[in-house]
Amino acid sequence: MNRDSVFYTIIFTFIVTFAFVLPLTLAEQGTSEMVAKNTETARRKAVLTAMDIPFTGDAEAASLFQGVTAREKDGEVLYTYDKGGKTVAAKEFFGMGLWGTINGILAVNGDVTSTVGLQIIGHNETPGLGGRIDDASFKNQFRGEALKDGKLKIRSGAEAGGGPVDPGDGVVDGITGATRTTQAMEVIVNREIGDIKKLLGASR
């Protein structure tokens, strides 16, 4: 075969491309089930953590999650859990941050008057700045924070950083130097609070 011909070039390109694509395709198919399982495990653990339900490993998390009720309404899934006779509700969220989608879980008490917890599953925010929404110092502020008029304020810009900590004032401290991400989180959180309230049928 003439190596300078167009036909040879086409055949050679096809063979090389096939040789590279086939292993990648087989690897993806071979691991897709495991990836899906790991993704679901991470989601369940995030729900439990947001609901302030402690666990020590994947096995215990799977066992505890059996006590969580998931019900779908209007295309949304609401998770509820009876914790010491009191209802805790949680919902997965997706919202736009500065650089991409922020994915996480927000949990509130049954009458939607305070947050129970916040977990971040994934984001594309700037490491060391907006990426700090996944730091414990930020997320821990959502443990038992009161809602004022059904909403939560997250301090941003010049107001962020070192503000007073009062679980009863409906205000949490944002990320210093990450104004856009902080503002996005406030929009996302308050939207989810409203959605959870509707799904629960709460009138408050």
N, C-alpha and C. Protein backbone atom coordinates (compact mmCIF):
# COMPACT_ATOMS: atom_id res chain seq x y z
N MET A 1 0.84 -1.20 0.00
CA MET A 1 0.00 0.00 0.00
C MET A 1 0.88 1.25 0.00
N ASN A 2 0.50 2.20 -0.81
CA ASN A 2 1.25 3.43 -0.92
C ASN A 2 1.03 4.29 0.33
N ARG A 3 2.11 4.49 1.08
CA ARG A 3 2.00 5.23 2.33
C ARG A 3 1.76 6.72 2.12
N ASP A 4 1.94 7.18 0.93
CA ASP A 4 1.71 8.58 0.65
C ASP A 4 0.29 8.87 0.17
N SER A 5 -0.51 7.81 0.05
CA SER A 5 -1.87 7.98 -0.45
C SER A 5 -2.81 8.46 0.65
N VAL A 6 -3.91 9.10 0.23
CA VAL A 6 -4.92 9.57 1.17
C VAL A 6 -5.59 8.38 1.86
N PHE A 7 -5.82 7.30 1.12
CA PHE A 7 -6.46 6.10 1.67
C PHE A 7 -5.64 5.54 2.82
N TYR A 8 -4.33 5.49 2.66
CA TYR A 8 -3.45 4.96 3.71
C TYR A 8 -3.54 5.84 4.96
N THR A 9 -3.54 7.15 4.75
CA THR A 9 -3.62 8.08 5.87
C THR A 9 -4.91 7.89 6.65
N ILE A 10 -6.01 7.71 5.91
CA ILE A 10 -7.31 7.52 6.57
C ILE A 10 -7.33 6.23 7.38
N ILE A 11 -6.85 5.13 6.77
CA ILE A 11 -6.82 3.84 7.46
C ILE A 11 -5.93 3.90 8.68
N PHE A 12 -4.75 4.49 8.55
CA PHE A 12 -3.80 4.59 9.67
C PHE A 12 -4.39 5.40 10.82
N THR A 13 -5.04 6.53 10.48
CA THR A 13 -5.65 7.38 11.50
C THR A 13 -6.77 6.63 12.23
N PHE A 14 -7.56 5.87 11.46
CA PHE A 14 -8.66 5.10 12.06
C PHE A 14 -8.12 4.06 13.03
N ILE A 15 -7.08 3.35 12.64
CA ILE A 15 -6.52 2.29 13.48
C ILE A 15 -5.94 2.86 14.77
N VAL A 16 -5.20 3.97 14.66
CA VAL A 16 -4.61 4.59 15.85
C VAL A 16 -5.69 5.10 16.79
N THR A 17 -6.70 5.75 16.21
CA THR A 17 -7.80 6.27 17.03
C THR A 17 -8.54 5.14 17.73
N PHE A 18 -8.82 4.07 17.00
CA PHE A 18 -9.51 2.91 17.57
C PHE A 18 -8.70 2.30 18.70
N ALA A 19 -7.38 2.23 18.51
CA ALA A 19 -6.51 1.63 19.52
C ALA A 19 -6.53 2.41 20.83
N PHE A 20 -6.71 3.73 20.74
CA PHE A 20 -6.76 4.56 21.95
C PHE A 20 -8.16 4.60 22.56
N VAL A 21 -9.18 4.68 21.72
CA VAL A 21 -10.55 4.83 22.20
C VAL A 21 -11.10 3.55 22.82
N LEU A 22 -10.78 2.41 22.24
CA LEU A 22 -11.33 1.14 22.73
C LEU A 22 -11.00 0.88 24.20
N PRO A 23 -9.73 0.98 24.62
CA PRO A 23 -9.44 0.75 26.05
C PRO A 23 -10.15 1.72 26.97
N LEU A 24 -10.26 2.99 26.53
CA LEU A 24 -10.94 3.98 27.36
C LEU A 24 -12.43 3.65 27.50
N THR A 25 -13.03 3.22 26.39
CA THR A 25 -14.45 2.86 26.42
C THR A 25 -14.69 1.66 27.32
N LEU A 26 -13.84 0.65 27.21
CA LEU A 26 -13.97 -0.55 28.04
C LEU A 26 -13.77 -0.21 29.51
N ALA A 27 -12.80 0.67 29.79
CA ALA A 27 -12.55 1.06 31.18
C ALA A 27 -13.74 1.81 31.77
N GLU A 28 -14.34 2.69 30.94
CA GLU A 28 -15.50 3.44 31.41
C GLU A 28 -16.68 2.53 31.69
N GLN A 29 -16.92 1.59 30.79
CA GLN A 29 -18.03 0.66 30.99
C GLN A 29 -17.78 -0.24 32.19
N GLY A 30 -16.53 -0.61 32.38
CA GLY A 30 -16.20 -1.51 33.48
C GLY A 30 -16.28 -0.87 34.84
N THR A 31 -16.12 0.44 34.89
CA THR A 31 -16.14 1.14 36.18
C THR A 31 -17.39 1.97 36.42
N SER A 32 -18.28 2.04 35.44
CA SER A 32 -19.47 2.90 35.57
C SER A 32 -20.34 2.50 36.75
N GLU A 33 -20.49 1.21 36.98
CA GLU A 33 -21.32 0.74 38.09
C GLU A 33 -20.70 1.14 39.43
N MET A 34 -19.37 1.01 39.52
CA MET A 34 -18.68 1.37 40.75
C MET A 34 -18.76 2.88 41.00
N VAL A 35 -18.60 3.66 39.92
CA VAL A 35 -18.69 5.12 40.05
C VAL A 35 -20.07 5.53 40.52
N ALA A 36 -21.11 4.92 39.94
CA ALA A 36 -22.49 5.23 40.33
C ALA A 36 -22.73 4.87 41.80
N LYS A 37 -22.17 3.74 42.23
CA LYS A 37 -22.33 3.31 43.62
C LYS A 37 -21.63 4.27 44.56
N ASN A 38 -20.42 4.68 44.20
CA ASN A 38 -19.67 5.61 45.05
C ASN A 38 -20.35 6.97 45.12
N THR A 39 -20.94 7.41 44.00
CA THR A 39 -21.64 8.69 43.96
C THR A 39 -22.86 8.66 44.87
N GLU A 40 -23.60 7.55 44.83
CA GLU A 40 -24.78 7.41 45.68
C GLU A 40 -24.39 7.33 47.15
N THR A 41 -23.28 6.63 47.45
CA THR A 41 -22.80 6.54 48.83
C THR A 41 -22.43 7.92 49.35
N ALA A 42 -21.74 8.71 48.53
CA ALA A 42 -21.35 10.07 48.92
C ALA A 42 -22.58 10.93 49.18
N ARG A 43 -23.61 10.77 48.34
CA ARG A 43 -24.84 11.56 48.51
C ARG A 43 -25.53 11.18 49.83
N ARG A 44 -25.63 9.91 50.10
CA ARG A 44 -26.29 9.46 51.32
C ARG A 44 -25.55 9.96 52.56
N LYS A 45 -24.23 9.90 52.53
CA LYS A 45 -23.43 10.38 53.65
C LYS A 45 -23.58 11.88 53.83
N ALA A 46 -23.71 12.61 52.72
CA ALA A 46 -23.91 14.05 52.80
C ALA A 46 -25.26 14.38 53.42
N VAL A 47 -26.29 13.61 53.07
CA VAL A 47 -27.62 13.80 53.65
C VAL A 47 -27.57 13.57 55.16
N LEU A 48 -26.95 12.48 55.57
CA LEU A 48 -26.86 12.16 57.00
C LEU A 48 -26.09 13.24 57.76
N THR A 49 -24.98 13.68 57.19
CA THR A 49 -24.16 14.69 57.86
C THR A 49 -24.91 16.01 57.97
N ALA A 50 -25.61 16.41 56.89
CA ALA A 50 -26.39 17.64 56.94
C ALA A 50 -27.49 17.54 57.99
N MET A 51 -28.07 16.35 58.14
CA MET A 51 -29.12 16.13 59.13
C MET A 51 -28.58 15.96 60.54
N ASP A 52 -27.25 16.04 60.68
CA ASP A 52 -26.59 15.89 61.98
C ASP A 52 -26.83 14.50 62.57
N ILE A 53 -26.70 13.50 61.70
CA ILE A 53 -26.82 12.10 62.11
C ILE A 53 -25.42 11.49 62.00
N PRO A 54 -24.72 11.28 63.12
CA PRO A 54 -23.34 10.79 63.06
C PRO A 54 -23.24 9.33 62.63
N PHE A 55 -22.15 9.01 61.95
CA PHE A 55 -21.85 7.63 61.54
C PHE A 55 -20.34 7.49 61.47
N THR A 56 -19.86 6.24 61.49
CA THR A 56 -18.41 6.00 61.53
C THR A 56 -17.86 5.39 60.25
N GLY A 57 -18.70 4.98 59.34
CA GLY A 57 -18.21 4.39 58.11
C GLY A 57 -19.33 4.15 57.12
N ASP A 58 -18.97 3.63 55.95
CA ASP A 58 -19.97 3.42 54.89
C ASP A 58 -21.07 2.46 55.32
N ALA A 59 -20.69 1.39 56.03
CA ALA A 59 -21.67 0.38 56.43
C ALA A 59 -22.70 0.98 57.39
N GLU A 60 -22.22 1.73 58.38
CA GLU A 60 -23.15 2.34 59.34
C GLU A 60 -23.99 3.41 58.66
N ALA A 61 -23.38 4.15 57.72
CA ALA A 61 -24.13 5.17 56.99
C ALA A 61 -25.26 4.53 56.20
N ALA A 62 -24.98 3.40 55.55
CA ALA A 62 -25.99 2.70 54.76
C ALA A 62 -27.13 2.22 55.66
N SER A 63 -26.78 1.75 56.85
CA SER A 63 -27.79 1.26 57.79
C SER A 63 -28.66 2.41 58.30
N LEU A 64 -28.02 3.51 58.67
CA LEU A 64 -28.77 4.66 59.18
C LEU A 64 -29.65 5.28 58.10
N PHE A 65 -29.18 5.25 56.86
CA PHE A 65 -29.94 5.88 55.78
C PHE A 65 -31.26 5.14 55.52
N GLN A 66 -31.35 3.89 55.96
CA GLN A 66 -32.60 3.15 55.80
C GLN A 66 -33.73 3.79 56.61
N GLY A 67 -33.35 4.57 57.63
CA GLY A 67 -34.35 5.27 58.43
C GLY A 67 -34.76 6.60 57.85
N VAL A 68 -34.12 7.00 56.75
CA VAL A 68 -34.45 8.26 56.09
C VAL A 68 -35.52 8.01 55.03
N THR A 69 -36.56 8.79 55.05
CA THR A 69 -37.63 8.67 54.06
C THR A 69 -37.38 9.65 52.92
N ALA A 70 -37.42 9.14 51.70
CA ALA A 70 -37.26 9.99 50.52
C ALA A 70 -38.57 9.99 49.75
N ARG A 71 -39.13 11.16 49.55
CA ARG A 71 -40.37 11.24 48.79
C ARG A 71 -40.25 12.31 47.71
N GLU A 72 -40.79 11.99 46.55
CA GLU A 72 -40.68 12.90 45.41
C GLU A 72 -41.98 13.65 45.21
N LYS A 73 -41.86 14.93 44.94
CA LYS A 73 -43.02 15.78 44.68
C LYS A 73 -42.59 16.88 43.72
N ASP A 74 -43.34 17.02 42.66
CA ASP A 74 -43.06 18.06 41.65
C ASP A 74 -41.63 17.97 41.12
N GLY A 75 -41.14 16.73 40.98
CA GLY A 75 -39.81 16.53 40.43
C GLY A 75 -38.68 16.76 41.42
N GLU A 76 -39.01 17.04 42.68
CA GLU A 76 -38.00 17.28 43.71
C GLU A 76 -38.06 16.14 44.73
N VAL A 77 -36.90 15.80 45.29
CA VAL A 77 -36.84 14.74 46.30
C VAL A 77 -36.59 15.38 47.66
N LEU A 78 -37.45 15.10 48.61
CA LEU A 78 -37.30 15.60 49.97
C LEU A 78 -36.97 14.43 50.90
N TYR A 79 -35.91 14.59 51.67
CA TYR A 79 -35.52 13.57 52.65
C TYR A 79 -36.01 14.01 54.02
N THR A 80 -36.63 13.10 54.76
CA THR A 80 -37.07 13.41 56.12
C THR A 80 -36.60 12.31 57.06
N TYR A 81 -36.39 12.70 58.32
CA TYR A 81 -35.90 11.75 59.32
C TYR A 81 -36.48 12.14 60.67
N ASP A 82 -36.93 11.14 61.40
CA ASP A 82 -37.46 11.36 62.75
C ASP A 82 -36.31 11.27 63.73
N LYS A 83 -35.89 12.41 64.25
CA LYS A 83 -34.75 12.46 65.16
C LYS A 83 -35.22 12.86 66.55
N GLY A 84 -35.34 11.86 67.41
CA GLY A 84 -35.79 12.12 68.77
C GLY A 84 -37.19 12.69 68.84
N GLY A 85 -38.05 12.23 67.92
CA GLY A 85 -39.43 12.71 67.91
C GLY A 85 -39.62 14.00 67.15
N LYS A 86 -38.55 14.54 66.60
CA LYS A 86 -38.64 15.78 65.82
C LYS A 86 -38.21 15.52 64.38
N THR A 87 -38.93 16.11 63.45
CA THR A 87 -38.64 15.90 62.03
C THR A 87 -37.50 16.79 61.57
N VAL A 88 -36.60 16.17 60.81
CA VAL A 88 -35.54 16.92 60.12
C VAL A 88 -35.75 16.69 58.63
N ALA A 89 -35.70 17.75 57.85
CA ALA A 89 -35.92 17.64 56.41
C ALA A 89 -34.67 18.13 55.67
N ALA A 90 -34.37 17.47 54.56
CA ALA A 90 -33.19 17.84 53.78
C ALA A 90 -33.49 17.72 52.29
N LYS A 91 -32.75 18.47 51.51
CA LYS A 91 -32.93 18.46 50.07
C LYS A 91 -31.59 18.70 49.38
N GLU A 92 -31.37 17.99 48.29
CA GLU A 92 -30.17 18.22 47.50
C GLU A 92 -30.38 19.46 46.63
N PHE A 93 -29.32 20.25 46.47
CA PHE A 93 -29.44 21.45 45.65
C PHE A 93 -28.34 21.54 44.60
N PHE A 94 -28.67 22.24 43.54
CA PHE A 94 -27.73 22.58 42.48
C PHE A 94 -27.94 24.07 42.18
N GLY A 95 -26.89 24.84 42.24
CA GLY A 95 -27.02 26.26 41.97
C GLY A 95 -25.73 26.81 41.39
N MET A 96 -25.83 27.92 40.69
CA MET A 96 -24.66 28.52 40.06
C MET A 96 -23.82 29.31 41.05
N GLY A 97 -22.53 28.98 41.09
CA GLY A 97 -21.57 29.76 41.86
C GLY A 97 -20.88 30.73 40.92
N LEU A 98 -19.65 31.10 41.26
CA LEU A 98 -18.91 32.02 40.41
C LEU A 98 -18.42 31.34 39.14
N TRP A 99 -17.92 30.10 39.27
CA TRP A 99 -17.31 29.41 38.14
C TRP A 99 -18.08 28.20 37.64
N GLY A 100 -19.10 27.80 38.34
CA GLY A 100 -19.85 26.62 37.91
C GLY A 100 -20.89 26.23 38.93
N THR A 101 -21.38 25.01 38.81
CA THR A 101 -22.46 24.53 39.66
C THR A 101 -21.95 24.14 41.05
N ILE A 102 -22.69 24.58 42.06
CA ILE A 102 -22.44 24.16 43.44
C ILE A 102 -23.52 23.14 43.79
N ASN A 103 -23.09 21.98 44.22
CA ASN A 103 -24.00 20.87 44.54
C ASN A 103 -23.85 20.54 46.02
N GLY A 104 -24.96 20.42 46.72
CA GLY A 104 -24.87 20.10 48.14
C GLY A 104 -26.20 19.68 48.73
N ILE A 105 -26.24 19.59 50.05
CA ILE A 105 -27.43 19.21 50.80
C ILE A 105 -27.68 20.25 51.88
N LEU A 106 -28.92 20.71 51.98
CA LEU A 106 -29.32 21.62 53.05
C LEU A 106 -30.39 20.93 53.89
N ALA A 107 -30.23 20.98 55.20
CA ALA A 107 -31.21 20.38 56.11
C ALA A 107 -31.76 21.44 57.05
N VAL A 108 -33.06 21.33 57.32
CA VAL A 108 -33.73 22.27 58.24
C VAL A 108 -34.60 21.48 59.21
N ASN A 109 -35.07 22.16 60.26
CA ASN A 109 -35.97 21.47 61.18
C ASN A 109 -37.37 21.36 60.57
N GLY A 110 -38.22 20.58 61.21
CA GLY A 110 -39.52 20.26 60.62
C GLY A 110 -40.44 21.44 60.38
N ASP A 111 -40.34 22.47 61.22
CA ASP A 111 -41.22 23.63 61.00
C ASP A 111 -40.50 24.76 60.24
N VAL A 112 -39.34 24.45 59.73
CA VAL A 112 -38.57 25.37 58.88
C VAL A 112 -38.35 26.71 59.58
N THR A 113 -37.88 26.64 60.82
CA THR A 113 -37.55 27.86 61.55
C THR A 113 -36.05 27.97 61.82
N SER A 114 -35.30 26.91 61.52
CA SER A 114 -33.85 26.96 61.68
C SER A 114 -33.19 25.92 60.79
N THR A 115 -31.95 26.18 60.44
CA THR A 115 -31.18 25.20 59.66
C THR A 115 -30.63 24.14 60.60
N VAL A 116 -30.42 22.95 60.07
CA VAL A 116 -29.83 21.85 60.84
C VAL A 116 -28.40 21.60 60.36
N GLY A 117 -28.16 21.75 59.08
CA GLY A 117 -26.81 21.54 58.57
C GLY A 117 -26.71 21.76 57.08
N LEU A 118 -25.47 21.94 56.63
CA LEU A 118 -25.18 22.14 55.22
C LEU A 118 -23.98 21.30 54.84
N GLN A 119 -24.08 20.59 53.73
CA GLN A 119 -22.96 19.83 53.20
C GLN A 119 -22.76 20.17 51.73
N ILE A 120 -21.52 20.28 51.32
CA ILE A 120 -21.18 20.53 49.92
C ILE A 120 -20.70 19.22 49.30
N ILE A 121 -21.34 18.83 48.21
CA ILE A 121 -20.95 17.59 47.51
C ILE A 121 -19.92 17.88 46.42
N GLY A 122 -20.11 18.98 45.70
CA GLY A 122 -19.18 19.31 44.63
C GLY A 122 -19.29 20.78 44.25
N HIS A 123 -18.18 21.34 43.76
CA HIS A 123 -18.17 22.74 43.32
C HIS A 123 -16.95 22.98 42.43
N ASN A 124 -16.94 24.15 41.76
CA ASN A 124 -15.82 24.55 40.92
C ASN A 124 -15.26 25.91 41.36
N GLU A 125 -15.50 26.28 42.61
CA GLU A 125 -15.07 27.58 43.08
C GLU A 125 -13.55 27.63 43.30
N THR A 126 -13.00 28.84 43.38
CA THR A 126 -11.56 29.04 43.46
C THR A 126 -10.97 28.45 44.74
N PRO A 127 -9.99 27.56 44.65
CA PRO A 127 -9.36 26.99 45.85
C PRO A 127 -8.79 28.10 46.74
N GLY A 128 -9.02 28.00 48.03
CA GLY A 128 -8.51 28.98 48.97
C GLY A 128 -9.37 30.22 49.11
N LEU A 129 -10.32 30.40 48.20
CA LEU A 129 -11.26 31.53 48.28
C LEU A 129 -12.68 30.98 48.32
N GLY A 130 -13.38 31.03 47.18
CA GLY A 130 -14.74 30.49 47.16
C GLY A 130 -14.81 29.02 47.52
N GLY A 131 -13.72 28.29 47.26
CA GLY A 131 -13.69 26.86 47.59
C GLY A 131 -13.82 26.59 49.08
N ARG A 132 -13.67 27.63 49.88
CA ARG A 132 -13.77 27.46 51.34
C ARG A 132 -15.21 27.26 51.81
N ILE A 133 -16.17 27.29 50.90
CA ILE A 133 -17.54 26.95 51.29
C ILE A 133 -17.61 25.50 51.77
N ASP A 134 -16.60 24.70 51.43
CA ASP A 134 -16.56 23.31 51.87
C ASP A 134 -15.77 23.14 53.17
N ASP A 135 -15.26 24.25 53.73
CA ASP A 135 -14.53 24.18 54.99
C ASP A 135 -15.51 24.04 56.15
N ALA A 136 -15.08 23.31 57.17
CA ALA A 136 -15.92 23.12 58.35
C ALA A 136 -16.27 24.45 59.00
N SER A 137 -15.35 25.41 58.97
CA SER A 137 -15.60 26.70 59.61
C SER A 137 -16.79 27.43 58.99
N PHE A 138 -17.03 27.22 57.70
CA PHE A 138 -18.19 27.82 57.05
C PHE A 138 -19.43 26.97 57.28
N LYS A 139 -19.33 25.67 57.04
CA LYS A 139 -20.51 24.80 57.13
C LYS A 139 -21.06 24.69 58.55
N ASN A 140 -20.17 24.73 59.55
CA ASN A 140 -20.63 24.58 60.94
C ASN A 140 -21.55 25.70 61.39
N GLN A 141 -21.51 26.83 60.69
CA GLN A 141 -22.39 27.95 61.05
C GLN A 141 -23.87 27.63 60.78
N PHE A 142 -24.11 26.59 59.99
CA PHE A 142 -25.48 26.22 59.64
C PHE A 142 -26.07 25.21 60.61
N ARG A 143 -25.35 24.93 61.71
CA ARG A 143 -25.87 24.05 62.74
C ARG A 143 -26.78 24.84 63.68
N GLY A 144 -28.07 24.69 63.52
CA GLY A 144 -29.02 25.34 64.42
C GLY A 144 -29.10 26.84 64.28
N GLU A 145 -28.92 27.36 63.07
CA GLU A 145 -29.03 28.81 62.85
C GLU A 145 -30.50 29.16 62.60
N ALA A 146 -31.00 30.10 63.38
CA ALA A 146 -32.40 30.52 63.25
C ALA A 146 -32.64 31.21 61.91
N LEU A 147 -33.85 31.06 61.40
CA LEU A 147 -34.26 31.75 60.17
C LEU A 147 -35.10 32.95 60.56
N LYS A 148 -34.81 34.08 59.96
CA LYS A 148 -35.57 35.29 60.22
C LYS A 148 -36.48 35.57 59.03
N ASP A 149 -37.78 35.56 59.28
CA ASP A 149 -38.76 35.72 58.21
C ASP A 149 -38.55 34.67 57.13
N GLY A 150 -38.17 33.47 57.57
CA GLY A 150 -38.01 32.35 56.65
C GLY A 150 -36.76 32.42 55.80
N LYS A 151 -35.82 33.31 56.14
CA LYS A 151 -34.62 33.45 55.33
C LYS A 151 -33.36 33.49 56.18
N LEU A 152 -32.24 33.36 55.49
CA LEU A 152 -30.94 33.40 56.14
C LEU A 152 -30.07 34.42 55.41
N LYS A 153 -29.36 35.23 56.15
CA LYS A 153 -28.44 36.20 55.54
C LYS A 153 -27.01 35.68 55.69
N ILE A 154 -26.25 35.78 54.61
CA ILE A 154 -24.83 35.41 54.65
C ILE A 154 -24.04 36.68 54.38
N ARG A 155 -23.27 37.11 55.36
CA ARG A 155 -22.50 38.34 55.20
C ARG A 155 -21.48 38.19 54.08
N SER A 156 -21.40 39.19 53.21
CA SER A 156 -20.45 39.15 52.10
C SER A 156 -19.73 40.47 51.96
N GLY A 157 -18.72 40.50 51.09
CA GLY A 157 -17.98 41.73 50.85
C GLY A 157 -17.27 42.21 52.10
N ALA A 158 -17.36 43.52 52.36
CA ALA A 158 -16.68 44.13 53.50
C ALA A 158 -17.26 43.63 54.83
N GLU A 159 -18.50 43.11 54.81
CA GLU A 159 -19.13 42.63 56.04
C GLU A 159 -18.62 41.26 56.46
N ALA A 160 -18.06 40.51 55.52
CA ALA A 160 -17.65 39.13 55.80
C ALA A 160 -16.36 39.09 56.61
N GLY A 161 -16.26 38.10 57.46
CA GLY A 161 -15.03 37.86 58.20
C GLY A 161 -15.05 38.46 59.59
N GLY A 162 -15.04 37.59 60.58
CA GLY A 162 -14.91 38.06 61.95
C GLY A 162 -16.14 38.70 62.55
N GLY A 163 -17.30 38.47 61.94
CA GLY A 163 -18.53 39.03 62.50
C GLY A 163 -18.97 38.27 63.74
N PRO A 164 -19.90 38.84 64.50
CA PRO A 164 -20.39 38.18 65.71
C PRO A 164 -21.09 36.86 65.39
N VAL A 165 -20.93 35.89 66.27
CA VAL A 165 -21.56 34.58 66.08
C VAL A 165 -22.76 34.48 67.02
N ASP A 166 -23.94 34.44 66.45
CA ASP A 166 -25.16 34.35 67.24
C ASP A 166 -26.15 33.46 66.48
N PRO A 167 -26.33 32.20 66.92
CA PRO A 167 -27.22 31.27 66.22
C PRO A 167 -28.67 31.74 66.14
N GLY A 168 -28.99 32.78 66.90
CA GLY A 168 -30.38 33.23 66.91
C GLY A 168 -30.65 34.42 66.02
N ASP A 169 -29.62 34.95 65.34
CA ASP A 169 -29.85 36.18 64.57
C ASP A 169 -30.11 35.96 63.09
N GLY A 170 -30.05 34.71 62.62
CA GLY A 170 -30.34 34.43 61.22
C GLY A 170 -29.27 34.92 60.27
N VAL A 171 -28.03 35.07 60.79
CA VAL A 171 -26.92 35.57 59.98
C VAL A 171 -25.71 34.67 60.15
N VAL A 172 -25.10 34.28 59.03
CA VAL A 172 -23.84 33.53 59.08
C VAL A 172 -22.78 34.32 58.33
N ASP A 173 -21.54 34.06 58.67
CA ASP A 173 -20.43 34.81 58.08
C ASP A 173 -20.01 34.19 56.76
N GLY A 174 -19.84 35.01 55.74
CA GLY A 174 -19.42 34.54 54.43
C GLY A 174 -17.92 34.39 54.34
N ILE A 175 -17.43 34.14 53.13
CA ILE A 175 -16.01 33.92 52.89
C ILE A 175 -15.34 35.23 52.52
N THR A 176 -14.35 35.64 53.29
CA THR A 176 -13.61 36.86 52.98
C THR A 176 -12.88 36.71 51.64
N GLY A 177 -13.04 37.68 50.77
CA GLY A 177 -12.38 37.64 49.47
C GLY A 177 -13.11 36.83 48.42
N ALA A 178 -14.28 36.30 48.77
CA ALA A 178 -15.07 35.51 47.81
C ALA A 178 -16.51 36.01 47.81
N THR A 179 -16.65 37.27 47.48
CA THR A 179 -17.97 37.92 47.54
C THR A 179 -18.99 37.25 46.63
N ARG A 180 -18.60 36.97 45.38
CA ARG A 180 -19.56 36.40 44.42
C ARG A 180 -20.02 35.02 44.85
N THR A 181 -19.10 34.21 45.34
CA THR A 181 -19.46 32.86 45.80
C THR A 181 -20.37 32.94 47.01
N THR A 182 -20.04 33.84 47.94
CA THR A 182 -20.85 34.01 49.14
C THR A 182 -22.27 34.47 48.77
N GLN A 183 -22.37 35.43 47.87
CA GLN A 183 -23.68 35.90 47.44
C GLN A 183 -24.47 34.79 46.75
N ALA A 184 -23.76 33.97 45.97
CA ALA A 184 -24.42 32.84 45.30
C ALA A 184 -24.96 31.86 46.32
N MET A 185 -24.19 31.60 47.38
CA MET A 185 -24.64 30.67 48.42
C MET A 185 -25.88 31.20 49.13
N GLU A 186 -25.94 32.52 49.35
CA GLU A 186 -27.12 33.08 50.00
C GLU A 186 -28.36 32.87 49.13
N VAL A 187 -28.22 33.10 47.83
CA VAL A 187 -29.34 32.89 46.90
C VAL A 187 -29.76 31.42 46.90
N ILE A 188 -28.78 30.52 46.81
CA ILE A 188 -29.07 29.09 46.76
C ILE A 188 -29.76 28.63 48.03
N VAL A 189 -29.19 28.99 49.18
CA VAL A 189 -29.73 28.54 50.47
C VAL A 189 -31.17 29.03 50.66
N ASN A 190 -31.42 30.28 50.39
CA ASN A 190 -32.77 30.81 50.59
C ASN A 190 -33.78 30.24 49.60
N ARG A 191 -33.31 29.95 48.39
CA ARG A 191 -34.19 29.28 47.42
C ARG A 191 -34.57 27.89 47.93
N GLU A 192 -33.58 27.17 48.47
CA GLU A 192 -33.84 25.82 48.96
C GLU A 192 -34.74 25.83 50.19
N ILE A 193 -34.56 26.82 51.05
CA ILE A 193 -35.43 26.93 52.22
C ILE A 193 -36.89 27.08 51.77
N GLY A 194 -37.09 27.91 50.76
CA GLY A 194 -38.44 28.08 50.22
C GLY A 194 -38.99 26.81 49.60
N ASP A 195 -38.14 26.09 48.88
CA ASP A 195 -38.56 24.84 48.24
C ASP A 195 -38.91 23.78 49.27
N ILE A 196 -38.08 23.67 50.32
CA ILE A 196 -38.35 22.68 51.38
C ILE A 196 -39.65 23.01 52.08
N LYS A 197 -39.88 24.28 52.32
CA LYS A 197 -41.11 24.72 52.97
C LYS A 197 -42.33 24.30 52.16
N LYS A 198 -42.24 24.47 50.84
CA LYS A 198 -43.36 24.08 49.97
C LYS A 198 -43.56 22.57 49.99
N LEU A 199 -42.45 21.82 49.93
CA LEU A 199 -42.55 20.36 49.90
C LEU A 199 -43.10 19.81 51.20
N LEU A 200 -42.80 20.50 52.31
CA LEU A 200 -43.32 20.07 53.60
C LEU A 200 -44.76 20.55 53.82
N GLY A 201 -45.16 21.53 53.02
CA GLY A 201 -46.49 22.11 53.20
C GLY A 201 -46.54 23.03 54.40
N ALA A 202 -45.36 23.55 54.79
CA ALA A 202 -45.30 24.45 55.95
C ALA A 202 -45.88 25.80 55.57
N SER A 203 -46.64 26.39 56.47
CA SER A 203 -47.27 27.68 56.20
C SER A 203 -46.42 28.85 56.68
N ARG A 204 -45.36 28.54 57.46
CA ARG A 204 -44.54 29.62 58.02
C ARG A 204 -43.68 30.23 56.95
